[in-house]
Amino acid sequence: MMKTEKREQRDFAERRWPLLSNLIGCYFNEDFDLLYGSLDGAVAAAARDGSLDHRRAILKEWRDWNLSVGVASDLRPELKKCFSIAVRFRKPEEARHLMENIYDSLMEGIRGETHRDI
C-alpha cells in the first residue's frame, strides 16, 4: 500500500511540476557526484541547461512548488516523495539550502543572459 501511495505522489508531482521533476531527476539522482563532482556542480549544471524560456518555466514551477510543498519545515520527506531525490540530507536546512540554491542559480543565469542580450 505504501508503494502505491508513494507512486501516486510522484505521479502528481510529475503532472504538476514536470520541468522541475525532470530537472531534479536528471541532476540530483544517485550519480550526481560522479557526473558533476559535487552537489554544487550539479546545481551549476542544472542552472545552465536549457533555453532561457525553459529555465523561466522551471522557475515558475519552482515558485508553485515552493508555495505549496516548500512551506514544510523539513523538505526532506517532500523532496523524496515528490521527486525521488537521491541526495542524502543530514539536516532539514541542507534540503532547504539546495532548493534555494537551485532557484538562485537559475535566477542568476537568467539575469546574466537577459543582460547579455541587451
PDB file of N, CA and C in Angstrom:
ATOM      1  N   MET A   1       0.825  -1.190   0.000  1.00  0.00           N
ATOM      2  CA  MET A   1       0.000   0.000   0.000  1.00  0.00           C
ATOM      3  C   MET A   1       0.868   1.253   0.000  1.00  0.00           C
ATOM      4  N   MET A   2       1.966   1.243   0.759  1.00  0.00           N
ATOM      5  CA  MET A   2       2.828   2.407   0.847  1.00  0.00           C
ATOM      6  C   MET A   2       3.454   2.734  -0.501  1.00  0.00           C
ATOM      7  N   LYS A   3       3.846   1.706  -1.266  1.00  0.00           N
ATOM      8  CA  LYS A   3       4.441   1.952  -2.578  1.00  0.00           C
ATOM      9  C   LYS A   3       3.447   2.608  -3.512  1.00  0.00           C
ATOM     10  N   THR A   4       2.189   2.218  -3.423  1.00  0.00           N
ATOM     11  CA  THR A   4       1.156   2.819  -4.257  1.00  0.00           C
ATOM     12  C   THR A   4       0.988   4.291  -3.904  1.00  0.00           C
ATOM     13  N   GLU A   5       0.962   4.608  -2.628  1.00  0.00           N
ATOM     14  CA  GLU A   5       0.823   5.995  -2.188  1.00  0.00           C
ATOM     15  C   GLU A   5       2.016   6.832  -2.655  1.00  0.00           C
ATOM     16  N   LYS A   6       3.214   6.282  -2.520  1.00  0.00           N
ATOM     17  CA  LYS A   6       4.421   6.991  -2.943  1.00  0.00           C
ATOM     18  C   LYS A   6       4.393   7.228  -4.458  1.00  0.00           C
ATOM     19  N   ARG A   7       3.987   6.234  -5.209  1.00  0.00           N
ATOM     20  CA  ARG A   7       3.922   6.358  -6.674  1.00  0.00           C
ATOM     21  C   ARG A   7       2.882   7.406  -7.065  1.00  0.00           C
ATOM     22  N   GLU A   8       1.745   7.431  -6.362  1.00  0.00           N
ATOM     23  CA  GLU A   8       0.717   8.435  -6.647  1.00  0.00           C
ATOM     24  C   GLU A   8       1.232   9.843  -6.389  1.00  0.00           C
ATOM     25  N   GLN A   9       1.981  10.024  -5.312  1.00  0.00           N
ATOM     26  CA  GLN A   9       2.557  11.339  -5.010  1.00  0.00           C
ATOM     27  C   GLN A   9       3.574  11.739  -6.070  1.00  0.00           C
ATOM     28  N   ARG A  10       4.373  10.789  -6.504  1.00  0.00           N
ATOM     29  CA  ARG A  10       5.363  11.051  -7.555  1.00  0.00           C
ATOM     30  C   ARG A  10       4.665  11.407  -8.863  1.00  0.00           C
ATOM     31  N   ASP A  11       3.623  10.664  -9.216  1.00  0.00           N
ATOM     32  CA  ASP A  11       2.868  10.957 -10.443  1.00  0.00           C
ATOM     33  C   ASP A  11       2.232  12.343 -10.383  1.00  0.00           C
ATOM     34  N   PHE A  12       1.697  12.702  -9.219  1.00  0.00           N
ATOM     35  CA  PHE A  12       1.115  14.024  -9.034  1.00  0.00           C
ATOM     36  C   PHE A  12       2.160  15.105  -9.273  1.00  0.00           C
ATOM     37  N   ALA A  13       3.348  14.936  -8.678  1.00  0.00           N
ATOM     38  CA  ALA A  13       4.423  15.917  -8.842  1.00  0.00           C
ATOM     39  C   ALA A  13       4.857  16.018 -10.303  1.00  0.00           C
ATOM     40  N   GLU A  14       4.940  14.898 -10.989  1.00  0.00           N
ATOM     41  CA  GLU A  14       5.339  14.916 -12.405  1.00  0.00           C
ATOM     42  C   GLU A  14       4.315  15.643 -13.268  1.00  0.00           C
ATOM     43  N   ARG A  15       3.043  15.520 -12.923  1.00  0.00           N
ATOM     44  CA  ARG A  15       1.997  16.238 -13.677  1.00  0.00           C
ATOM     45  C   ARG A  15       1.976  17.721 -13.343  1.00  0.00           C
ATOM     46  N   ARG A  16       2.125  18.049 -12.066  1.00  0.00           N
ATOM     47  CA  ARG A  16       2.013  19.444 -11.630  1.00  0.00           C
ATOM     48  C   ARG A  16       3.281  20.251 -11.921  1.00  0.00           C
ATOM     49  N   TRP A  17       4.446  19.625 -11.748  1.00  0.00           N
ATOM     50  CA  TRP A  17       5.738  20.308 -11.942  1.00  0.00           C
ATOM     51  C   TRP A  17       6.642  19.473 -12.840  1.00  0.00           C
ATOM     52  N   PRO A  18       6.243  19.239 -14.093  1.00  0.00           N
ATOM     53  CA  PRO A  18       7.016  18.329 -14.952  1.00  0.00           C
ATOM     54  C   PRO A  18       8.456  18.768 -15.205  1.00  0.00           C
ATOM     55  N   LEU A  19       8.674  20.050 -15.390  1.00  0.00           N
ATOM     56  CA  LEU A  19      10.037  20.516 -15.666  1.00  0.00           C
ATOM     57  C   LEU A  19      10.916  20.444 -14.425  1.00  0.00           C
ATOM     58  N   LEU A  20      10.372  20.828 -13.295  1.00  0.00           N
ATOM     59  CA  LEU A  20      11.122  20.747 -12.043  1.00  0.00           C
ATOM     60  C   LEU A  20      11.396  19.282 -11.694  1.00  0.00           C
ATOM     61  N   SER A  21      10.427  18.416 -11.903  1.00  0.00           N
ATOM     62  CA  SER A  21      10.624  16.981 -11.660  1.00  0.00           C
ATOM     63  C   SER A  21      11.744  16.436 -12.531  1.00  0.00           C
ATOM     64  N   ASN A  22      11.741  16.820 -13.790  1.00  0.00           N
ATOM     65  CA  ASN A  22      12.776  16.358 -14.707  1.00  0.00           C
ATOM     66  C   ASN A  22      14.149  16.885 -14.294  1.00  0.00           C
ATOM     67  N   LEU A  23      14.226  18.156 -13.935  1.00  0.00           N
ATOM     68  CA  LEU A  23      15.491  18.749 -13.518  1.00  0.00           C
ATOM     69  C   LEU A  23      16.065  17.998 -12.307  1.00  0.00           C
ATOM     70  N   ILE A  24      15.249  17.765 -11.315  1.00  0.00           N
ATOM     71  CA  ILE A  24      15.738  17.083 -10.110  1.00  0.00           C
ATOM     72  C   ILE A  24      16.110  15.640 -10.421  1.00  0.00           C
ATOM     73  N   GLY A  25      15.319  14.981 -11.239  1.00  0.00           N
ATOM     74  CA  GLY A  25      15.631  13.601 -11.609  1.00  0.00           C
ATOM     75  C   GLY A  25      16.913  13.472 -12.415  1.00  0.00           C
ATOM     76  N   CYS A  26      17.179  14.435 -13.254  1.00  0.00           N
ATOM     77  CA  CYS A  26      18.382  14.389 -14.096  1.00  0.00           C
ATOM     78  C   CYS A  26      19.648  14.790 -13.353  1.00  0.00           C
ATOM     79  N   TYR A  27      19.559  15.794 -12.518  1.00  0.00           N
ATOM     80  CA  TYR A  27      20.760  16.351 -11.904  1.00  0.00           C
ATOM     81  C   TYR A  27      21.010  15.919 -10.464  1.00  0.00           C
ATOM     82  N   PHE A  28      20.002  15.403  -9.795  1.00  0.00           N
ATOM     83  CA  PHE A  28      20.149  15.062  -8.380  1.00  0.00           C
ATOM     84  C   PHE A  28      19.771  13.607  -8.128  1.00  0.00           C
ATOM     85  N   ASN A  29      20.197  12.759  -9.062  1.00  0.00           N
ATOM     86  CA  ASN A  29      19.980  11.319  -8.921  1.00  0.00           C
ATOM     87  C   ASN A  29      21.178  10.699  -8.202  1.00  0.00           C
ATOM     88  N   GLU A  30      21.198   9.385  -8.116  1.00  0.00           N
ATOM     89  CA  GLU A  30      22.252   8.710  -7.352  1.00  0.00           C
ATOM     90  C   GLU A  30      23.662   8.899  -7.928  1.00  0.00           C
ATOM     91  N   ASP A  31      23.784   9.388  -9.149  1.00  0.00           N
ATOM     92  CA  ASP A  31      25.096   9.588  -9.771  1.00  0.00           C
ATOM     93  C   ASP A  31      25.526  11.048  -9.819  1.00  0.00           C
ATOM     94  N   PHE A  32      24.848  11.937  -9.104  1.00  0.00           N
ATOM     95  CA  PHE A  32      25.166  13.363  -9.226  1.00  0.00           C
ATOM     96  C   PHE A  32      26.623  13.666  -8.909  1.00  0.00           C
ATOM     97  N   ASP A  33      27.172  12.995  -7.902  1.00  0.00           N
ATOM     98  CA  ASP A  33      28.566  13.277  -7.543  1.00  0.00           C
ATOM     99  C   ASP A  33      29.544  12.766  -8.592  1.00  0.00           C
ATOM    100  N   LEU A  34      29.236  11.651  -9.236  1.00  0.00           N
ATOM    101  CA  LEU A  34      30.092  11.131 -10.314  1.00  0.00           C
ATOM    102  C   LEU A  34      30.005  12.002 -11.558  1.00  0.00           C
ATOM    103  N   LEU A  35      28.803  12.467 -11.868  1.00  0.00           N
ATOM    104  CA  LEU A  35      28.596  13.255 -13.086  1.00  0.00           C
ATOM    105  C   LEU A  35      29.056  14.700 -12.950  1.00  0.00           C
ATOM    106  N   TYR A  36      28.858  15.288 -11.780  1.00  0.00           N
ATOM    107  CA  TYR A  36      29.098  16.727 -11.609  1.00  0.00           C
ATOM    108  C   TYR A  36      30.142  17.061 -10.542  1.00  0.00           C
ATOM    109  N   GLY A  37      30.684  16.046  -9.871  1.00  0.00           N
ATOM    110  CA  GLY A  37      31.738  16.255  -8.894  1.00  0.00           C
ATOM    111  C   GLY A  37      31.260  16.618  -7.503  1.00  0.00           C
ATOM    112  N   SER A  38      30.123  17.255  -7.413  1.00  0.00           N
ATOM    113  CA  SER A  38      29.598  17.685  -6.113  1.00  0.00           C
ATOM    114  C   SER A  38      28.155  18.143  -6.287  1.00  0.00           C
ATOM    115  N   LEU A  39      27.524  18.409  -5.180  1.00  0.00           N
ATOM    116  CA  LEU A  39      26.167  18.952  -5.211  1.00  0.00           C
ATOM    117  C   LEU A  39      26.166  20.333  -5.861  1.00  0.00           C
ATOM    118  N   ASP A  40      27.159  21.157  -5.537  1.00  0.00           N
ATOM    119  CA  ASP A  40      27.263  22.481  -6.164  1.00  0.00           C
ATOM    120  C   ASP A  40      27.480  22.368  -7.673  1.00  0.00           C
ATOM    121  N   GLY A  41      28.250  21.369  -8.091  1.00  0.00           N
ATOM    122  CA  GLY A  41      28.456  21.145  -9.522  1.00  0.00           C
ATOM    123  C   GLY A  41      27.168  20.765 -10.225  1.00  0.00           C
ATOM    124  N   ALA A  42      26.342  19.958  -9.567  1.00  0.00           N
ATOM    125  CA  ALA A  42      25.047  19.573 -10.141  1.00  0.00           C
ATOM    126  C   ALA A  42      24.123  20.781 -10.242  1.00  0.00           C
ATOM    127  N   VAL A  43      24.133  21.638  -9.215  1.00  0.00           N
ATOM    128  CA  VAL A  43      23.307  22.853  -9.240  1.00  0.00           C
ATOM    129  C   VAL A  43      23.747  23.747 -10.400  1.00  0.00           C
ATOM    130  N   ALA A  44      25.053  23.932 -10.546  1.00  0.00           N
ATOM    131  CA  ALA A  44      25.571  24.784 -11.629  1.00  0.00           C
ATOM    132  C   ALA A  44      25.189  24.228 -12.995  1.00  0.00           C
ATOM    133  N   ALA A  45      25.305  22.920 -13.176  1.00  0.00           N
ATOM    134  CA  ALA A  45      24.939  22.308 -14.454  1.00  0.00           C
ATOM    135  C   ALA A  45      23.448  22.459 -14.729  1.00  0.00           C
ATOM    136  N   ALA A  46      22.636  22.253 -13.710  1.00  0.00           N
ATOM    137  CA  ALA A  46      21.190  22.385 -13.870  1.00  0.00           C
ATOM    138  C   ALA A  46      20.804  23.809 -14.250  1.00  0.00           C
ATOM    139  N   ALA A  47      21.497  24.786 -13.689  1.00  0.00           N
ATOM    140  CA  ALA A  47      21.177  26.189 -13.951  1.00  0.00           C
ATOM    141  C   ALA A  47      21.579  26.625 -15.353  1.00  0.00           C
ATOM    142  N   ARG A  48      22.520  25.923 -15.966  1.00  0.00           N
ATOM    143  CA  ARG A  48      22.978  26.271 -17.325  1.00  0.00           C
ATOM    144  C   ARG A  48      22.180  25.572 -18.413  1.00  0.00           C
ATOM    145  N   ASP A  49      21.521  24.504 -18.072  1.00  0.00           N
ATOM    146  CA  ASP A  49      20.880  23.656 -19.078  1.00  0.00           C
ATOM    147  C   ASP A  49      19.577  24.257 -19.582  1.00  0.00           C
ATOM    148  N   GLY A  50      19.343  24.120 -20.854  1.00  0.00           N
ATOM    149  CA  GLY A  50      18.078  24.539 -21.449  1.00  0.00           C
ATOM    150  C   GLY A  50      18.082  25.985 -21.904  1.00  0.00           C
ATOM    151  N   SER A  51      17.091  26.285 -22.684  1.00  0.00           N
ATOM    152  CA  SER A  51      16.940  27.643 -23.207  1.00  0.00           C
ATOM    153  C   SER A  51      16.499  28.589 -22.098  1.00  0.00           C
ATOM    154  N   LEU A  52      16.557  29.859 -22.388  1.00  0.00           N
ATOM    155  CA  LEU A  52      16.112  30.878 -21.448  1.00  0.00           C
ATOM    156  C   LEU A  52      14.641  30.664 -21.083  1.00  0.00           C
ATOM    157  N   ASP A  53      13.801  30.423 -22.075  1.00  0.00           N
ATOM    158  CA  ASP A  53      12.375  30.188 -21.806  1.00  0.00           C
ATOM    159  C   ASP A  53      12.159  28.929 -20.965  1.00  0.00           C
ATOM    160  N   HIS A  54      12.944  27.899 -21.224  1.00  0.00           N
ATOM    161  CA  HIS A  54      12.839  26.654 -20.468  1.00  0.00           C
ATOM    162  C   HIS A  54      13.177  26.898 -18.992  1.00  0.00           C
ATOM    163  N   ARG A  55      14.255  27.625 -18.738  1.00  0.00           N
ATOM    164  CA  ARG A  55      14.658  27.910 -17.360  1.00  0.00           C
ATOM    165  C   ARG A  55      13.641  28.816 -16.670  1.00  0.00           C
ATOM    166  N   ARG A  56      13.056  29.748 -17.402  1.00  0.00           N
ATOM    167  CA  ARG A  56      11.987  30.586 -16.818  1.00  0.00           C
ATOM    168  C   ARG A  56      10.785  29.734 -16.435  1.00  0.00           C
ATOM    169  N   ALA A  57      10.458  28.766 -17.274  1.00  0.00           N
ATOM    170  CA  ALA A  57       9.329  27.873 -16.969  1.00  0.00           C
ATOM    171  C   ALA A  57       9.629  27.021 -15.737  1.00  0.00           C
ATOM    172  N   ILE A  58      10.881  26.591 -15.576  1.00  0.00           N
ATOM    173  CA  ILE A  58      11.255  25.837 -14.373  1.00  0.00           C
ATOM    174  C   ILE A  58      11.085  26.716 -13.137  1.00  0.00           C
ATOM    175  N   LEU A  59      11.504  27.970 -13.234  1.00  0.00           N
ATOM    176  CA  LEU A  59      11.335  28.886 -12.098  1.00  0.00           C
ATOM    177  C   LEU A  59       9.868  29.067 -11.738  1.00  0.00           C
ATOM    178  N   LYS A  60       9.022  29.145 -12.742  1.00  0.00           N
ATOM    179  CA  LYS A  60       7.589  29.278 -12.475  1.00  0.00           C
ATOM    180  C   LYS A  60       7.078  28.052 -11.719  1.00  0.00           C
ATOM    181  N   GLU A  61       7.494  26.868 -12.134  1.00  0.00           N
ATOM    182  CA  GLU A  61       7.100  25.651 -11.423  1.00  0.00           C
ATOM    183  C   GLU A  61       7.703  25.615 -10.019  1.00  0.00           C
ATOM    184  N   TRP A  62       8.959  26.057  -9.884  1.00  0.00           N
ATOM    185  CA  TRP A  62       9.609  26.084  -8.574  1.00  0.00           C
ATOM    186  C   TRP A  62       8.802  26.960  -7.621  1.00  0.00           C
ATOM    187  N   ARG A  63       8.373  28.117  -8.102  1.00  0.00           N
ATOM    188  CA  ARG A  63       7.584  29.018  -7.248  1.00  0.00           C
ATOM    189  C   ARG A  63       6.276  28.368  -6.817  1.00  0.00           C
ATOM    190  N   ASP A  64       5.605  27.688  -7.734  1.00  0.00           N
ATOM    191  CA  ASP A  64       4.362  26.996  -7.400  1.00  0.00           C
ATOM    192  C   ASP A  64       4.639  25.892  -6.379  1.00  0.00           C
ATOM    193  N   TRP A  65       5.691  25.116  -6.616  1.00  0.00           N
ATOM    194  CA  TRP A  65       6.079  24.065  -5.674  1.00  0.00           C
ATOM    195  C   TRP A  65       6.373  24.674  -4.306  1.00  0.00           C
ATOM    196  N   ASN A  66       7.112  25.764  -4.282  1.00  0.00           N
ATOM    197  CA  ASN A  66       7.508  26.387  -3.028  1.00  0.00           C
ATOM    198  C   ASN A  66       6.304  26.915  -2.246  1.00  0.00           C
ATOM    199  N   LEU A  67       5.307  27.417  -2.943  1.00  0.00           N
ATOM    200  CA  LEU A  67       4.105  27.920  -2.262  1.00  0.00           C
ATOM    201  C   LEU A  67       3.257  26.791  -1.680  1.00  0.00           C
ATOM    202  N   SER A  68       3.373  25.603  -2.229  1.00  0.00           N
ATOM    203  CA  SER A  68       2.546  24.502  -1.736  1.00  0.00           C
ATOM    204  C   SER A  68       3.354  23.532  -0.879  1.00  0.00           C
ATOM    205  N   VAL A  69       4.319  22.890  -1.433  1.00  0.00           N
ATOM    206  CA  VAL A  69       5.103  21.885  -0.715  1.00  0.00           C
ATOM    207  C   VAL A  69       6.272  22.511   0.032  1.00  0.00           C
ATOM    208  N   GLY A  70       6.846  23.541  -0.550  1.00  0.00           N
ATOM    209  CA  GLY A  70       8.043  24.154   0.022  1.00  0.00           C
ATOM    210  C   GLY A  70       7.837  24.852   1.349  1.00  0.00           C
ATOM    211  N   VAL A  71       6.600  24.956   1.806  1.00  0.00           N
ATOM    212  CA  VAL A  71       6.341  25.595   3.102  1.00  0.00           C
ATOM    213  C   VAL A  71       6.614  24.656   4.272  1.00  0.00           C
ATOM    214  N   ALA A  72       6.840  23.389   3.995  1.00  0.00           N
ATOM    215  CA  ALA A  72       7.109  22.423   5.068  1.00  0.00           C
ATOM    216  C   ALA A  72       8.385  22.805   5.812  1.00  0.00           C
ATOM    217  N   SER A  73       8.404  22.570   7.109  1.00  0.00           N
ATOM    218  CA  SER A  73       9.592  22.914   7.890  1.00  0.00           C
ATOM    219  C   SER A  73      10.765  21.991   7.563  1.00  0.00           C
ATOM    220  N   ASP A  74      10.476  20.766   7.158  1.00  0.00           N
ATOM    221  CA  ASP A  74      11.509  19.815   6.759  1.00  0.00           C
ATOM    222  C   ASP A  74      11.170  19.318   5.360  1.00  0.00           C
ATOM    223  N   LEU A  75      11.943  19.747   4.384  1.00  0.00           N
ATOM    224  CA  LEU A  75      11.674  19.397   2.986  1.00  0.00           C
ATOM    225  C   LEU A  75      12.131  17.994   2.606  1.00  0.00           C
ATOM    226  N   ARG A  76      12.936  17.376   3.416  1.00  0.00           N
ATOM    227  CA  ARG A  76      13.494  16.070   3.045  1.00  0.00           C
ATOM    228  C   ARG A  76      12.434  15.048   2.655  1.00  0.00           C
ATOM    229  N   PRO A  77      11.394  14.845   3.465  1.00  0.00           N
ATOM    230  CA  PRO A  77      10.372  13.866   3.057  1.00  0.00           C
ATOM    231  C   PRO A  77       9.633  14.295   1.788  1.00  0.00           C
ATOM    232  N   GLU A  78       9.384  15.588   1.660  1.00  0.00           N
ATOM    233  CA  GLU A  78       8.663  16.079   0.483  1.00  0.00           C
ATOM    234  C   GLU A  78       9.492  15.902  -0.798  1.00  0.00           C
ATOM    235  N   LEU A  79      10.780  16.177  -0.716  1.00  0.00           N
ATOM    236  CA  LEU A  79      11.646  16.000  -1.885  1.00  0.00           C
ATOM    237  C   LEU A  79      11.730  14.532  -2.281  1.00  0.00           C
ATOM    238  N   LYS A  80      11.775  13.671  -1.304  1.00  0.00           N
ATOM    239  CA  LYS A  80      11.817  12.234  -1.572  1.00  0.00           C
ATOM    240  C   LYS A  80      10.506  11.771  -2.197  1.00  0.00           C
ATOM    241  N   LYS A  81       9.374  12.196  -1.620  1.00  0.00           N
ATOM    242  CA  LYS A  81       8.061  11.776  -2.133  1.00  0.00           C
ATOM    243  C   LYS A  81       7.778  12.355  -3.514  1.00  0.00           C
ATOM    244  N   CYS A  82       8.005  13.640  -3.679  1.00  0.00           N
ATOM    245  CA  CYS A  82       7.658  14.308  -4.926  1.00  0.00           C
ATOM    246  C   CYS A  82       8.615  13.987  -6.065  1.00  0.00           C
ATOM    247  N   PHE A  83       9.908  13.970  -5.754  1.00  0.00           N
ATOM    248  CA  PHE A  83      10.902  13.910  -6.823  1.00  0.00           C
ATOM    249  C   PHE A  83      11.850  12.724  -6.733  1.00  0.00           C
ATOM    250  N   SER A  84      11.706  11.883  -5.722  1.00  0.00           N
ATOM    251  CA  SER A  84      12.625  10.756  -5.515  1.00  0.00           C
ATOM    252  C   SER A  84      14.079  11.208  -5.558  1.00  0.00           C
ATOM    253  N   ILE A  85      14.357  12.348  -4.977  1.00  0.00           N
ATOM    254  CA  ILE A  85      15.704  12.898  -4.964  1.00  0.00           C
ATOM    255  C   ILE A  85      16.653  11.914  -4.276  1.00  0.00           C
ATOM    256  N   ALA A  86      17.858  11.775  -4.809  1.00  0.00           N
ATOM    257  CA  ALA A  86      18.815  10.811  -4.271  1.00  0.00           C
ATOM    258  C   ALA A  86      19.831  11.446  -3.330  1.00  0.00           C
ATOM    259  N   VAL A  87      19.742  12.735  -3.116  1.00  0.00           N
ATOM    260  CA  VAL A  87      20.668  13.419  -2.212  1.00  0.00           C
ATOM    261  C   VAL A  87      20.294  13.055  -0.778  1.00  0.00           C
ATOM    262  N   ARG A  88      21.314  12.725   0.022  1.00  0.00           N
ATOM    263  CA  ARG A  88      21.091  12.387   1.427  1.00  0.00           C
ATOM    264  C   ARG A  88      21.365  13.631   2.271  1.00  0.00           C
ATOM    265  N   PHE A  89      20.337  14.147   2.869  1.00  0.00           N
ATOM    266  CA  PHE A  89      20.453  15.334   3.713  1.00  0.00           C
ATOM    267  C   PHE A  89      20.499  14.904   5.178  1.00  0.00           C
ATOM    268  N   ARG A  90      21.450  15.424   5.920  1.00  0.00           N
ATOM    269  CA  ARG A  90      21.533  15.112   7.345  1.00  0.00           C
ATOM    270  C   ARG A  90      20.598  15.994   8.151  1.00  0.00           C
ATOM    271  N   LYS A  91      20.431  17.236   7.700  1.00  0.00           N
ATOM    272  CA  LYS A  91      19.610  18.194   8.445  1.00  0.00           C
ATOM    273  C   LYS A  91      18.589  18.834   7.502  1.00  0.00           C
ATOM    274  N   PRO A  92      17.456  19.267   8.057  1.00  0.00           N
ATOM    275  CA  PRO A  92      16.438  19.931   7.226  1.00  0.00           C
ATOM    276  C   PRO A  92      16.983  21.149   6.487  1.00  0.00           C
ATOM    277  N   GLU A  93      17.902  21.876   7.120  1.00  0.00           N
ATOM    278  CA  GLU A  93      18.443  23.088   6.492  1.00  0.00           C
ATOM    279  C   GLU A  93      19.178  22.774   5.191  1.00  0.00           C
ATOM    280  N   GLU A  94      19.768  21.590   5.098  1.00  0.00           N
ATOM    281  CA  GLU A  94      20.501  21.218   3.887  1.00  0.00           C
ATOM    282  C   GLU A  94      19.552  21.070   2.695  1.00  0.00           C
ATOM    283  N   ALA A  95      18.391  20.505   2.926  1.00  0.00           N
ATOM    284  CA  ALA A  95      17.406  20.361   1.851  1.00  0.00           C
ATOM    285  C   ALA A  95      16.879  21.723   1.416  1.00  0.00           C
ATOM    286  N   ARG A  96      16.573  22.563   2.381  1.00  0.00           N
ATOM    287  CA  ARG A  96      16.097  23.920   2.074  1.00  0.00           C
ATOM    288  C   ARG A  96      17.172  24.684   1.299  1.00  0.00           C
ATOM    289  N   HIS A  97      18.419  24.563   1.739  1.00  0.00           N
ATOM    290  CA  HIS A  97      19.526  25.253   1.072  1.00  0.00           C
ATOM    291  C   HIS A  97      19.656  24.793  -0.387  1.00  0.00           C
ATOM    292  N   LEU A  98      19.538  23.499  -0.628  1.00  0.00           N
ATOM    293  CA  LEU A  98      19.636  23.005  -2.001  1.00  0.00           C
ATOM    294  C   LEU A  98      18.550  23.617  -2.875  1.00  0.00           C
ATOM    295  N   MET A  99      17.324  23.589  -2.413  1.00  0.00           N
ATOM    296  CA  MET A  99      16.227  24.114  -3.238  1.00  0.00           C
ATOM    297  C   MET A  99      16.379  25.619  -3.466  1.00  0.00           C
ATOM    298  N   GLU A 100      16.816  26.343  -2.456  1.00  0.00           N
ATOM    299  CA  GLU A 100      17.046  27.775  -2.628  1.00  0.00           C
ATOM    300  C   GLU A 100      18.238  28.031  -3.553  1.00  0.00           C
ATOM    301  N   ASN A 101      19.244  27.190  -3.468  1.00  0.00           N
ATOM    302  CA  ASN A 101      20.408  27.313  -4.341  1.00  0.00           C
ATOM    303  C   ASN A 101      20.023  27.065  -5.803  1.00  0.00           C
ATOM    304  N   ILE A 102      19.166  26.089  -6.040  1.00  0.00           N
ATOM    305  CA  ILE A 102      18.681  25.828  -7.399  1.00  0.00           C
ATOM    306  C   ILE A 102      17.962  27.069  -7.927  1.00  0.00           C
ATOM    307  N   TYR A 103      17.064  27.609  -7.130  1.00  0.00           N
ATOM    308  CA  TYR A 103      16.319  28.796  -7.535  1.00  0.00           C
ATOM    309  C   TYR A 103      17.265  29.969  -7.817  1.00  0.00           C
ATOM    310  N   ASP A 104      18.153  30.250  -6.866  1.00  0.00           N
ATOM    311  CA  ASP A 104      19.072  31.380  -7.018  1.00  0.00           C
ATOM    312  C   ASP A 104      19.969  31.219  -8.243  1.00  0.00           C
ATOM    313  N   SER A 105      20.447  30.013  -8.490  1.00  0.00           N
ATOM    314  CA  SER A 105      21.322  29.772  -9.637  1.00  0.00           C
ATOM    315  C   SER A 105      20.572  29.950 -10.955  1.00  0.00           C
ATOM    316  N   LEU A 106      19.347  29.481 -11.005  1.00  0.00           N
ATOM    317  CA  LEU A 106      18.533  29.691 -12.210  1.00  0.00           C
ATOM    318  C   LEU A 106      18.289  31.181 -12.438  1.00  0.00           C
ATOM    319  N   MET A 107      17.938  31.886 -11.365  1.00  0.00           N
ATOM    320  CA  MET A 107      17.696  33.333 -11.481  1.00  0.00           C
ATOM    321  C   MET A 107      18.943  34.070 -11.961  1.00  0.00           C
ATOM    322  N   GLU A 108      20.076  33.744 -11.387  1.00  0.00           N
ATOM    323  CA  GLU A 108      21.328  34.393 -11.751  1.00  0.00           C
ATOM    324  C   GLU A 108      21.651  34.155 -13.229  1.00  0.00           C
ATOM    325  N   GLY A 109      21.470  32.925 -13.675  1.00  0.00           N
ATOM    326  CA  GLY A 109      21.722  32.610 -15.077  1.00  0.00           C
ATOM    327  C   GLY A 109      20.775  33.339 -16.022  1.00  0.00           C
ATOM    328  N   ILE A 110      19.527  33.435 -15.645  1.00  0.00           N
ATOM    329  CA  ILE A 110      18.540  34.139 -16.472  1.00  0.00           C
ATOM    330  C   ILE A 110      18.863  35.627 -16.529  1.00  0.00           C
ATOM    331  N   ARG A 111      19.175  36.197 -15.383  1.00  0.00           N
ATOM    332  CA  ARG A 111      19.531  37.625 -15.354  1.00  0.00           C
ATOM    333  C   ARG A 111      20.766  37.901 -16.212  1.00  0.00           C
ATOM    334  N   GLY A 112      21.775  37.029 -16.084  1.00  0.00           N
ATOM    335  CA  GLY A 112      23.000  37.204 -16.861  1.00  0.00           C
ATOM    336  C   GLY A 112      22.750  37.111 -18.345  1.00  0.00           C
ATOM    337  N   GLU A 113      21.913  36.178 -18.749  1.00  0.00           N
ATOM    338  CA  GLU A 113      21.615  36.005 -20.163  1.00  0.00           C
ATOM    339  C   GLU A 113      20.743  37.153 -20.686  1.00  0.00           C
ATOM    340  N   THR A 114      19.822  37.623 -19.866  1.00  0.00           N
ATOM    341  CA  THR A 114      18.953  38.730 -20.257  1.00  0.00           C
ATOM    342  C   THR A 114      19.770  40.007 -20.456  1.00  0.00           C
ATOM    343  N   HIS A 115      20.705  40.274 -19.554  1.00  0.00           N
ATOM    344  CA  HIS A 115      21.549  41.486 -19.670  1.00  0.00           C
ATOM    345  C   HIS A 115      22.478  41.379 -20.855  1.00  0.00           C
ATOM    346  N   ARG A 116      22.922  40.167 -21.173  1.00  0.00           N
ATOM    347  CA  ARG A 116      23.819  39.977 -22.303  1.00  0.00           C
ATOM    348  C   ARG A 116      23.115  40.286 -23.626  1.00  0.00           C
ATOM    349  N   ASP A 117      21.809  40.031 -23.673  1.00  0.00           N
ATOM    350  CA  ASP A 117      21.036  40.251 -24.903  1.00  0.00           C
ATOM    351  C   ASP A 117      20.713  41.717 -25.136  1.00  0.00           C
ATOM    352  N   ILE A 118      20.869  42.551 -24.120  1.00  0.00           N
ATOM    353  CA  ILE A 118      20.505  43.973 -24.244  1.00  0.00           C
ATOM    354  C   ILE A 118      21.541  44.720 -25.023  1.00  0.00           C
TER     355      ILE A 118
END
